[in-house]
């Protein structure tokens, strides 16, 4: 029998397994490209180390400033308790239940129903809700959404996805650098490369790695949504209301104007509406969020077990 605790444990395990494999993938790609450029084994490992130092610097900057950037891009305005007492009470009560400090609360003036959480840690976190989600969902459904977003904060999902995004960006940057060197570099330099096989493999890796990295990033994003659903339902003890909320948000076809592809993964539901639903497992690989049917089914399976 699937229990809420089992769902949460399974999602955590699958996420970190994917992260481990992703790290191995990044190391392998950088190593192969270095060998393809003619570095020996020691030099290739040195390039791997330099790449991770660069990623660390980029992560440091993102760690401190990504939340401000996302809130600014989303045109989110911070509110106080007097502005929306019911929403504030829901956030306060569920924060206490989750053992979290009270996050800052923001409103996005848009009639499309959606919400997201951001912040480098629970002490510097924020939750944002569109005016549409407050108008179109009832009190219990909004509490389910609040619990979902607080679970993202508690699970450190913003930090995790920032690291993943940086690694994907690093792969894309290095792949572009490798292809440019190959295309514009001195053709005679091919003699300095370790061997033709390594070069061919490196060129193939430079072409495919950014695509594979993006697919891994999307897989992690989908897995964290399942985890936040299960954790949020466990927090409210009412998975049914979160399921209803997800169905209402999915059925609303109005796109969120301030959202874009860079921020879409943050929201509780893909805000870029007006697109045909993915059909088949291959199309599902390119989704930022799991299909709503799968999320609702998982939540309904928790009913009566909490």
Protein backbone atom coordinates (compact mmCIF):
# COMPACT_ATOMS: atom_id res chain seq x y z
CA UNK A 1 0.00 0.00 0.00
CA UNK A 2 1.25 3.47 -0.96
CA UNK A 3 1.38 5.77 2.06
CA UNK A 4 2.17 9.51 2.07
CA UNK A 5 5.48 8.80 3.78
CA UNK A 6 6.35 6.24 1.09
CA UNK A 7 5.53 8.73 -1.67
CA UNK A 8 7.69 11.40 -0.06
CA UNK A 9 10.62 9.01 0.52
CA UNK A 10 10.40 7.64 -3.03
CA UNK A 11 10.38 11.12 -4.56
CA UNK A 12 13.37 12.25 -2.48
CA UNK A 13 15.34 9.13 -3.43
CA UNK A 14 14.55 9.48 -7.15
CA UNK A 15 15.49 13.18 -7.14
CA UNK A 16 18.89 12.62 -5.55
CA UNK A 17 19.55 9.61 -7.77
CA UNK A 18 18.91 11.79 -10.83
CA UNK A 19 21.14 14.52 -9.34
CA UNK A 20 23.97 12.03 -8.81
CA UNK A 21 23.69 10.74 -12.36
CA UNK A 22 23.53 14.33 -13.61
CA UNK A 23 26.78 15.19 -11.83
CA UNK A 24 28.45 12.13 -13.35
CA UNK A 25 27.08 13.19 -16.74
CA UNK A 26 28.53 16.72 -16.41
CA UNK A 27 31.96 15.39 -15.38
CA UNK A 28 31.93 12.91 -18.27
CA UNK A 29 30.95 15.52 -20.87
CA UNK A 30 33.61 18.03 -19.78
CA UNK A 31 36.26 15.29 -19.63
CA UNK A 32 35.43 14.00 -23.13
CA UNK A 33 35.48 17.51 -24.62
CA UNK A 34 38.85 18.21 -22.98
CA UNK A 35 40.29 14.98 -24.36
CA UNK A 36 38.86 15.84 -27.76
CA UNK A 37 40.76 19.13 -27.67
CA UNK A 38 44.03 17.29 -27.08
CA UNK A 39 44.42 17.55 -23.29
CA UNK A 40 45.94 14.57 -21.53
CA UNK A 41 44.12 12.83 -18.65
CA UNK A 42 45.56 15.18 -16.00
CA UNK A 43 44.77 18.29 -18.03
CA UNK A 44 41.24 17.03 -18.70
CA UNK A 45 40.62 16.54 -14.99
CA UNK A 46 41.99 20.04 -14.41
CA UNK A 47 39.47 21.44 -16.88
CA UNK A 48 36.72 19.54 -15.07
CA UNK A 49 37.82 21.16 -11.81
CA UNK A 50 37.90 24.63 -13.36
CA UNK A 51 34.40 24.09 -14.76
CA UNK A 52 33.04 23.25 -11.33
CA UNK A 53 34.77 26.28 -9.81
CA UNK A 54 33.04 28.43 -12.43
CA UNK A 55 29.74 26.73 -11.64
CA UNK A 56 30.34 27.42 -7.94
CA UNK A 57 30.86 31.13 -8.57
CA UNK A 58 27.71 31.27 -10.70
CA UNK A 59 25.76 29.39 -8.01
CA UNK A 60 26.99 31.83 -5.36
CA UNK A 61 25.65 34.80 -7.32
CA UNK A 62 22.37 33.03 -8.10
CA UNK A 63 22.02 31.93 -4.48
CA UNK A 64 21.89 35.52 -3.25
CA UNK A 65 20.10 37.30 -6.07
CA UNK A 66 17.88 34.83 -7.97
CA UNK A 67 14.83 35.39 -5.73
CA UNK A 68 14.93 39.17 -6.25
CA UNK A 69 15.29 38.68 -9.99
CA UNK A 70 12.36 36.24 -10.20
CA UNK A 71 10.05 38.45 -8.15
CA UNK A 72 10.99 41.46 -10.24
CA UNK A 73 10.48 39.63 -13.54
CA UNK A 74 7.11 38.38 -12.29
CA UNK A 75 5.96 41.90 -11.32
CA UNK A 76 5.20 40.61 -7.83
CA UNK A 77 4.31 43.17 -5.15
CA UNK A 78 4.87 42.45 -1.46
CA UNK A 79 1.77 42.75 0.71
CA UNK A 80 1.07 42.96 4.42
CA UNK A 81 -1.53 41.22 6.55
CA UNK A 82 -3.95 44.11 6.28
CA UNK A 83 -3.94 43.77 2.48
CA UNK A 84 -5.19 40.16 2.45
CA UNK A 85 -5.88 38.83 5.99
CA UNK A 86 -7.22 35.41 4.92
CA UNK A 87 -4.22 34.59 2.75
CA UNK A 88 -1.82 35.80 5.46
CA UNK A 89 -3.52 33.63 8.08
CA UNK A 90 -3.22 30.58 5.84
CA UNK A 91 0.49 31.21 5.25
CA UNK A 92 1.10 31.92 8.95
CA UNK A 93 -0.75 28.85 10.23
CA UNK A 94 0.78 26.44 7.74
CA UNK A 95 4.26 27.90 8.29
CA UNK A 96 3.89 27.17 11.99
CA UNK A 97 2.65 23.65 11.23
CA UNK A 98 5.63 23.06 8.92
CA UNK A 99 8.10 24.54 11.42
CA UNK A 100 9.09 27.29 8.99
CA UNK A 101 9.65 31.01 9.55
CA UNK A 102 6.97 33.20 8.02
CA UNK A 103 7.91 33.91 4.38
CA UNK A 104 7.28 37.22 2.66
CA UNK A 105 3.99 37.22 0.76
CA UNK A 106 3.59 38.67 -2.74
CA UNK A 107 0.70 39.21 -5.12
CA UNK A 108 0.93 39.19 -8.91
CA UNK A 109 -1.84 41.25 -10.46
CA UNK A 110 -2.94 38.75 -13.10
CA UNK A 111 -6.24 36.91 -13.47
CA UNK A 112 -4.56 33.63 -14.48
CA UNK A 113 -4.52 31.32 -11.41
CA UNK A 114 -1.01 30.32 -10.32
CA UNK A 115 1.57 30.57 -7.53
CA UNK A 116 5.26 29.96 -6.82
CA UNK A 117 7.83 29.99 -4.02
CA UNK A 118 11.37 31.33 -4.11
CA UNK A 119 14.25 32.18 -1.78
CA UNK A 120 17.68 30.77 -1.00
CA UNK A 121 16.59 29.24 2.33
CA UNK A 122 13.59 29.24 4.70
CA UNK A 123 14.89 32.37 6.45
CA UNK A 124 14.93 34.31 3.15
CA UNK A 125 11.90 32.86 1.41
CA UNK A 126 8.88 34.29 -0.36
CA UNK A 127 5.61 32.97 -1.73
CA UNK A 128 3.75 34.66 -4.57
CA UNK A 129 0.14 34.21 -5.64
CA UNK A 130 -1.69 35.65 -8.62
CA UNK A 131 -4.85 37.63 -7.98
CA UNK A 132 -6.56 35.06 -10.20
CA UNK A 133 -5.82 32.14 -7.90
CA UNK A 134 -7.26 34.06 -4.95
CA UNK A 135 -10.43 34.83 -6.90
CA UNK A 136 -11.01 31.42 -8.49
CA UNK A 137 -10.15 28.99 -5.68
CA UNK A 138 -11.97 28.53 -2.39
CA UNK A 139 -10.33 28.80 1.04
CA UNK A 140 -9.50 25.09 1.38
CA UNK A 141 -8.04 24.89 -2.13
CA UNK A 142 -5.88 27.97 -1.50
CA UNK A 143 -4.60 26.33 1.69
CA UNK A 144 -3.60 23.31 -0.41
CA UNK A 145 -1.68 25.60 -2.78
CA UNK A 146 -0.02 27.41 0.15
CA UNK A 147 1.04 24.07 1.65
CA UNK A 148 2.49 23.00 -1.71
CA UNK A 149 4.58 26.17 -1.98
CA UNK A 150 5.75 25.99 1.63
CA UNK A 151 6.83 22.40 0.93
CA UNK A 152 9.03 23.67 -1.89
CA UNK A 153 10.69 25.98 0.65
CA UNK A 154 11.03 23.24 3.27
CA UNK A 155 12.46 20.81 0.69
CA UNK A 156 15.01 23.42 -0.53
CA UNK A 157 13.70 23.04 -4.07
CA UNK A 158 14.62 26.58 -5.11
CA UNK A 159 18.27 25.98 -4.19
CA UNK A 160 18.29 22.58 -5.87
CA UNK A 161 16.79 23.87 -9.13
CA UNK A 162 19.20 26.83 -9.11
CA UNK A 163 22.16 24.44 -8.94
CA UNK A 164 20.67 22.27 -11.69
CA UNK A 165 20.00 25.30 -13.91
CA UNK A 166 23.60 26.47 -13.47
CA UNK A 167 24.95 23.04 -14.41
CA UNK A 168 22.74 22.92 -17.50
CA UNK A 169 23.89 26.43 -18.44
CA UNK A 170 27.52 25.41 -17.88
CA UNK A 171 27.15 22.44 -20.21
CA UNK A 172 25.57 24.64 -22.89
CA UNK A 173 28.36 27.24 -22.48
CA UNK A 174 31.15 24.66 -22.74
CA UNK A 175 29.48 22.91 -25.68
CA UNK A 176 29.20 26.20 -27.55
CA UNK A 177 32.84 26.99 -26.74
CA UNK A 178 33.98 23.59 -28.00
CA UNK A 179 32.04 23.89 -31.27
CA UNK A 180 33.36 27.42 -31.89
CA UNK A 181 36.95 26.30 -31.33
CA UNK A 182 36.37 23.37 -33.66
CA UNK A 183 34.78 25.53 -36.34
CA UNK A 184 37.01 28.60 -36.21
CA UNK A 185 40.21 27.05 -34.92
CA UNK A 186 43.28 26.15 -36.93
CA UNK A 187 42.60 22.95 -38.87
CA UNK A 188 46.22 21.91 -38.41
CA UNK A 189 45.58 21.72 -34.68
CA UNK A 190 43.77 18.41 -35.27
CA UNK A 191 47.21 16.77 -35.15
CA UNK A 192 47.49 17.88 -31.53
CA UNK A 193 44.30 16.18 -30.52
CA UNK A 194 44.60 12.89 -28.65
CA UNK A 195 42.95 10.88 -31.45
CA UNK A 196 40.21 11.11 -34.02
CA UNK A 197 37.86 8.90 -32.01
CA UNK A 198 37.95 11.14 -28.95
CA UNK A 199 37.39 14.18 -31.13
CA UNK A 200 34.39 12.62 -32.86
CA UNK A 201 32.88 11.56 -29.52
CA UNK A 202 33.55 15.03 -28.06
CA UNK A 203 31.87 16.73 -31.01
CA UNK A 204 28.83 14.48 -30.64
CA UNK A 205 28.77 15.19 -26.89
CA UNK A 206 28.92 18.94 -27.52
CA UNK A 207 25.87 18.67 -29.78
CA UNK A 208 23.78 16.34 -27.61
CA UNK A 209 24.84 17.30 -24.08
CA UNK A 210 22.78 20.55 -23.82
CA UNK A 211 19.66 18.67 -24.92
CA UNK A 212 20.27 15.80 -22.50
CA UNK A 213 21.06 18.27 -19.69
CA UNK A 214 17.79 20.09 -20.28
CA UNK A 215 15.85 16.80 -20.22
CA UNK A 216 17.48 15.90 -16.88
CA UNK A 217 16.63 19.36 -15.53
CA UNK A 218 12.99 18.90 -16.53
CA UNK A 219 12.91 15.41 -14.98
CA UNK A 220 14.13 16.81 -11.65
CA UNK A 221 11.57 19.63 -11.85
CA UNK A 222 8.71 17.14 -12.38
CA UNK A 223 9.92 14.95 -9.52
CA UNK A 224 10.06 17.93 -7.13
CA UNK A 225 6.46 18.81 -8.04
CA UNK A 226 5.33 15.32 -7.04
CA UNK A 227 7.29 15.70 -3.79
CA UNK A 228 5.76 19.12 -3.02
CA UNK A 229 2.28 17.73 -3.73
CA UNK A 230 2.79 14.84 -1.31
CA UNK A 231 4.47 17.02 1.34
CA UNK A 232 1.78 19.71 1.02
CA UNK A 233 -1.03 17.19 1.32
CA UNK A 234 0.63 15.70 4.38
CA UNK A 235 0.85 19.19 5.89
CA UNK A 236 -2.85 20.02 5.47
CA UNK A 237 -4.05 16.42 5.96
CA UNK A 238 -6.37 17.08 3.02
CA UNK A 239 -4.91 15.90 -0.32
CA UNK A 240 -8.32 16.16 -1.99
CA UNK A 241 -8.39 19.98 -1.80
CA UNK A 242 -4.96 20.31 -3.43
CA UNK A 243 -6.13 17.91 -6.16
CA UNK A 244 -9.19 20.09 -6.76
CA UNK A 245 -6.99 23.18 -6.88
CA UNK A 246 -4.70 21.61 -9.48
CA UNK A 247 -7.67 20.63 -11.61
CA UNK A 248 -9.10 24.16 -11.51
CA UNK A 249 -5.75 25.74 -12.40
CA UNK A 250 -5.24 23.27 -15.27
CA UNK A 251 -8.74 23.88 -16.65
CA UNK A 252 -8.18 27.64 -16.75
CA UNK A 253 -6.73 28.30 -20.21
CA UNK A 254 -5.60 31.88 -19.57
CA UNK A 255 -1.80 32.26 -19.84
CA UNK A 256 0.15 34.13 -17.20
CA UNK A 257 1.53 37.17 -19.03
CA UNK A 258 4.56 37.77 -16.77
CA UNK A 259 5.79 34.18 -17.00
CA UNK A 260 8.42 32.94 -19.44
CA UNK A 261 10.34 29.74 -20.15
CA UNK A 262 13.03 30.65 -17.62
CA UNK A 263 10.55 30.96 -14.73
CA UNK A 264 7.84 28.49 -15.80
CA UNK A 265 9.24 25.62 -13.70
CA UNK A 266 8.78 27.64 -10.50
CA UNK A 267 4.99 27.78 -10.68
CA UNK A 268 2.63 25.18 -9.24
CA UNK A 269 1.33 24.60 -12.77
CA UNK A 270 2.86 25.44 -16.15
CA UNK A 271 1.86 29.11 -16.66
CA UNK A 272 2.46 29.03 -20.43
CA UNK A 273 -1.04 27.98 -21.42
CA UNK A 274 -2.56 27.84 -24.86
CA UNK A 275 -0.37 24.88 -25.82
CA UNK A 276 -1.55 21.41 -26.70
CA UNK A 277 -1.17 18.86 -23.94
CA UNK A 278 1.73 16.46 -24.40
CA UNK A 279 0.83 13.03 -25.74
CA UNK A 280 3.02 10.00 -25.16
CA UNK A 281 6.11 9.41 -23.07
CA UNK A 282 8.48 11.19 -25.47
CA UNK A 283 6.50 14.45 -25.44
CA UNK A 284 6.26 14.12 -21.65
CA UNK A 285 10.07 14.35 -21.40
CA UNK A 286 9.87 18.03 -22.35
CA UNK A 287 7.31 19.04 -19.69
CA UNK A 288 8.30 21.27 -16.77
CA UNK A 289 5.50 19.76 -14.66
CA UNK A 290 3.97 16.28 -14.44
CA UNK A 291 0.60 15.81 -16.18
CA UNK A 292 -2.18 17.05 -13.92
CA UNK A 293 -3.90 13.66 -14.19
CA UNK A 294 -0.87 11.93 -12.69
CA UNK A 295 -0.63 14.49 -9.88
CA UNK A 296 -4.33 14.21 -9.04
CA UNK A 297 -4.16 10.40 -9.09
CA UNK A 298 -1.21 10.43 -6.69
CA UNK A 299 -2.98 12.84 -4.35
CA UNK A 300 -6.25 10.89 -4.40
CA UNK A 301 -4.35 7.72 -3.50
CA UNK A 302 -3.33 9.47 -0.28
CA UNK A 303 -6.93 10.20 0.72
CA UNK A 304 -7.85 8.43 3.96
CA UNK A 305 -4.25 7.45 4.71
CA UNK A 306 -3.16 10.65 6.46
